């Protein structure tokens, strides 16, 4: 599916998305809030952190929007919560 459909479904179902062209099932992109923040989680449920000590965010490229291989995937919500809570 395309990234727009995948994002809508992920937000509705509280899941992440992954693409075969972007390391499917090794990197998950988790939309948070209204979808303006994307957290990056690896297959071991580690949240990518920025150099400033808060969760890193993903900014899709134009080519990411053209991919039609986006899938909805589950992720460890505790890992996300712990990363976000550690910053607050």
C-alpha atoms as a PDB file:
ATOM      1  CA  UNK A   1       0.000   0.000   0.000  1.00  0.00           C
ATOM      2  CA  UNK A   2       1.147   3.585  -0.331  1.00  0.00           C
ATOM      3  CA  UNK A   3       2.466   5.619   2.579  1.00  0.00           C
ATOM      4  CA  UNK A   4      -0.712   7.672   2.974  1.00  0.00           C
ATOM      5  CA  UNK A   5      -2.939   4.620   3.339  1.00  0.00           C
ATOM      6  CA  UNK A   6      -0.396   2.977   5.641  1.00  0.00           C
ATOM      7  CA  UNK A   7      -0.124   6.080   7.835  1.00  0.00           C
ATOM      8  CA  UNK A   8      -3.897   6.427   8.204  1.00  0.00           C
ATOM      9  CA  UNK A   9      -4.196   2.766   9.150  1.00  0.00           C
ATOM     10  CA  UNK A  10      -1.221   2.900  11.546  1.00  0.00           C
ATOM     11  CA  UNK A  11      -2.635   5.949  13.344  1.00  0.00           C
ATOM     12  CA  UNK A  12      -6.069   4.331  13.609  1.00  0.00           C
ATOM     13  CA  UNK A  13      -4.696   0.988  14.862  1.00  0.00           C
ATOM     14  CA  UNK A  14      -1.789   2.415  16.933  1.00  0.00           C
ATOM     15  CA  UNK A  15       0.783   0.522  14.879  1.00  0.00           C
ATOM     16  CA  UNK A  16       3.930   1.314  12.933  1.00  0.00           C
ATOM     17  CA  UNK A  17       4.755   1.145   9.233  1.00  0.00           C
ATOM     18  CA  UNK A  18       7.671  -0.452   7.424  1.00  0.00           C
ATOM     19  CA  UNK A  19       8.781  -0.655   3.803  1.00  0.00           C
ATOM     20  CA  UNK A  20      10.660  -3.388   1.970  1.00  0.00           C
ATOM     21  CA  UNK A  21      12.757  -0.676   0.327  1.00  0.00           C
ATOM     22  CA  UNK A  22      13.721   0.708   3.733  1.00  0.00           C
ATOM     23  CA  UNK A  23      14.879  -2.372   5.670  1.00  0.00           C
ATOM     24  CA  UNK A  24      11.482  -4.008   6.210  1.00  0.00           C
ATOM     25  CA  UNK A  25      11.056  -5.537   9.665  1.00  0.00           C
ATOM     26  CA  UNK A  26      14.363  -4.120  10.843  1.00  0.00           C
ATOM     27  CA  UNK A  27      13.281  -0.477  10.968  1.00  0.00           C
ATOM     28  CA  UNK A  28       9.806   0.678  11.934  1.00  0.00           C
ATOM     29  CA  UNK A  29       8.417   4.170  11.610  1.00  0.00           C
ATOM     30  CA  UNK A  30       5.899   5.052  14.308  1.00  0.00           C
ATOM     31  CA  UNK A  31       3.562   7.992  13.692  1.00  0.00           C
ATOM     32  CA  UNK A  32       2.695   9.798  16.920  1.00  0.00           C
ATOM     33  CA  UNK A  33       0.089  12.415  17.692  1.00  0.00           C
ATOM     34  CA  UNK A  34      -1.328  13.809  14.476  1.00  0.00           C
ATOM     35  CA  UNK A  35       1.361  12.079  12.412  1.00  0.00           C
ATOM     36  CA  UNK A  36       3.697  15.071  12.352  1.00  0.00           C
ATOM     37  CA  UNK A  37       6.222  13.204  14.524  1.00  0.00           C
ATOM     38  CA  UNK A  38       7.685   9.913  13.332  1.00  0.00           C
ATOM     39  CA  UNK A  39       9.737   7.847  15.749  1.00  0.00           C
ATOM     40  CA  UNK A  40      12.268   5.343  14.437  1.00  0.00           C
ATOM     41  CA  UNK A  41      12.373   1.929  16.141  1.00  0.00           C
ATOM     42  CA  UNK A  42      14.594  -1.028  15.243  1.00  0.00           C
ATOM     43  CA  UNK A  43      13.660  -4.707  15.342  1.00  0.00           C
ATOM     44  CA  UNK A  44      15.034  -5.014  18.885  1.00  0.00           C
ATOM     45  CA  UNK A  45      12.630  -2.247  20.014  1.00  0.00           C
ATOM     46  CA  UNK A  46      15.370   0.331  20.470  1.00  0.00           C
ATOM     47  CA  UNK A  47      14.224   3.860  19.761  1.00  0.00           C
ATOM     48  CA  UNK A  48      16.703   5.874  17.716  1.00  0.00           C
ATOM     49  CA  UNK A  49      17.856   8.823  19.794  1.00  0.00           C
ATOM     50  CA  UNK A  50      19.085  12.181  18.549  1.00  0.00           C
ATOM     51  CA  UNK A  51      22.417  13.633  19.558  1.00  0.00           C
ATOM     52  CA  UNK A  52      20.472  15.898  21.939  1.00  0.00           C
ATOM     53  CA  UNK A  53      19.097  12.997  23.981  1.00  0.00           C
ATOM     54  CA  UNK A  54      15.515  12.886  22.754  1.00  0.00           C
ATOM     55  CA  UNK A  55      13.917  10.421  20.332  1.00  0.00           C
ATOM     56  CA  UNK A  56      15.042  10.973  16.754  1.00  0.00           C
ATOM     57  CA  UNK A  57      12.358  11.679  14.187  1.00  0.00           C
ATOM     58  CA  UNK A  58      12.030  10.478  10.595  1.00  0.00           C
ATOM     59  CA  UNK A  59      11.431  12.871   7.727  1.00  0.00           C
ATOM     60  CA  UNK A  60      10.236  10.971   4.651  1.00  0.00           C
ATOM     61  CA  UNK A  61      11.822  11.715   1.275  1.00  0.00           C
ATOM     62  CA  UNK A  62       9.908  12.138  -1.962  1.00  0.00           C
ATOM     63  CA  UNK A  63      10.894   8.616  -3.010  1.00  0.00           C
ATOM     64  CA  UNK A  64       9.369   7.229   0.210  1.00  0.00           C
ATOM     65  CA  UNK A  65       6.012   8.647  -0.864  1.00  0.00           C
ATOM     66  CA  UNK A  66       6.265   6.848  -4.198  1.00  0.00           C
ATOM     67  CA  UNK A  67       6.857   3.399  -2.658  1.00  0.00           C
ATOM     68  CA  UNK A  68       3.823   1.126  -2.839  1.00  0.00           C
ATOM     69  CA  UNK A  69       5.197  -1.520  -0.477  1.00  0.00           C
ATOM     70  CA  UNK A  70       4.375  -0.026   2.918  1.00  0.00           C
ATOM     71  CA  UNK A  71       3.048  -2.485   5.487  1.00  0.00           C
ATOM     72  CA  UNK A  72       1.445  -2.080   8.905  1.00  0.00           C
ATOM     73  CA  UNK A  73       3.478  -3.711  11.689  1.00  0.00           C
ATOM     74  CA  UNK A  74       3.260  -4.111  15.445  1.00  0.00           C
ATOM     75  CA  UNK A  75       5.932  -2.660  17.691  1.00  0.00           C
ATOM     76  CA  UNK A  76       6.759  -2.663  21.390  1.00  0.00           C
ATOM     77  CA  UNK A  77       4.762   0.281  22.713  1.00  0.00           C
ATOM     78  CA  UNK A  78       6.617   0.066  26.038  1.00  0.00           C
ATOM     79  CA  UNK A  79       9.908   0.891  24.291  1.00  0.00           C
ATOM     80  CA  UNK A  80       8.365   4.036  22.810  1.00  0.00           C
ATOM     81  CA  UNK A  81       6.765   5.052  26.103  1.00  0.00           C
ATOM     82  CA  UNK A  82      10.043   4.582  27.996  1.00  0.00           C
ATOM     83  CA  UNK A  83      11.989   6.624  25.430  1.00  0.00           C
ATOM     84  CA  UNK A  84       9.470   9.466  25.496  1.00  0.00           C
ATOM     85  CA  UNK A  85       9.065   9.406  29.272  1.00  0.00           C
ATOM     86  CA  UNK A  86      12.856   9.529  29.663  1.00  0.00           C
ATOM     87  CA  UNK A  87      12.887  12.897  27.893  1.00  0.00           C
ATOM     88  CA  UNK A  88      10.020  14.553  29.784  1.00  0.00           C
END
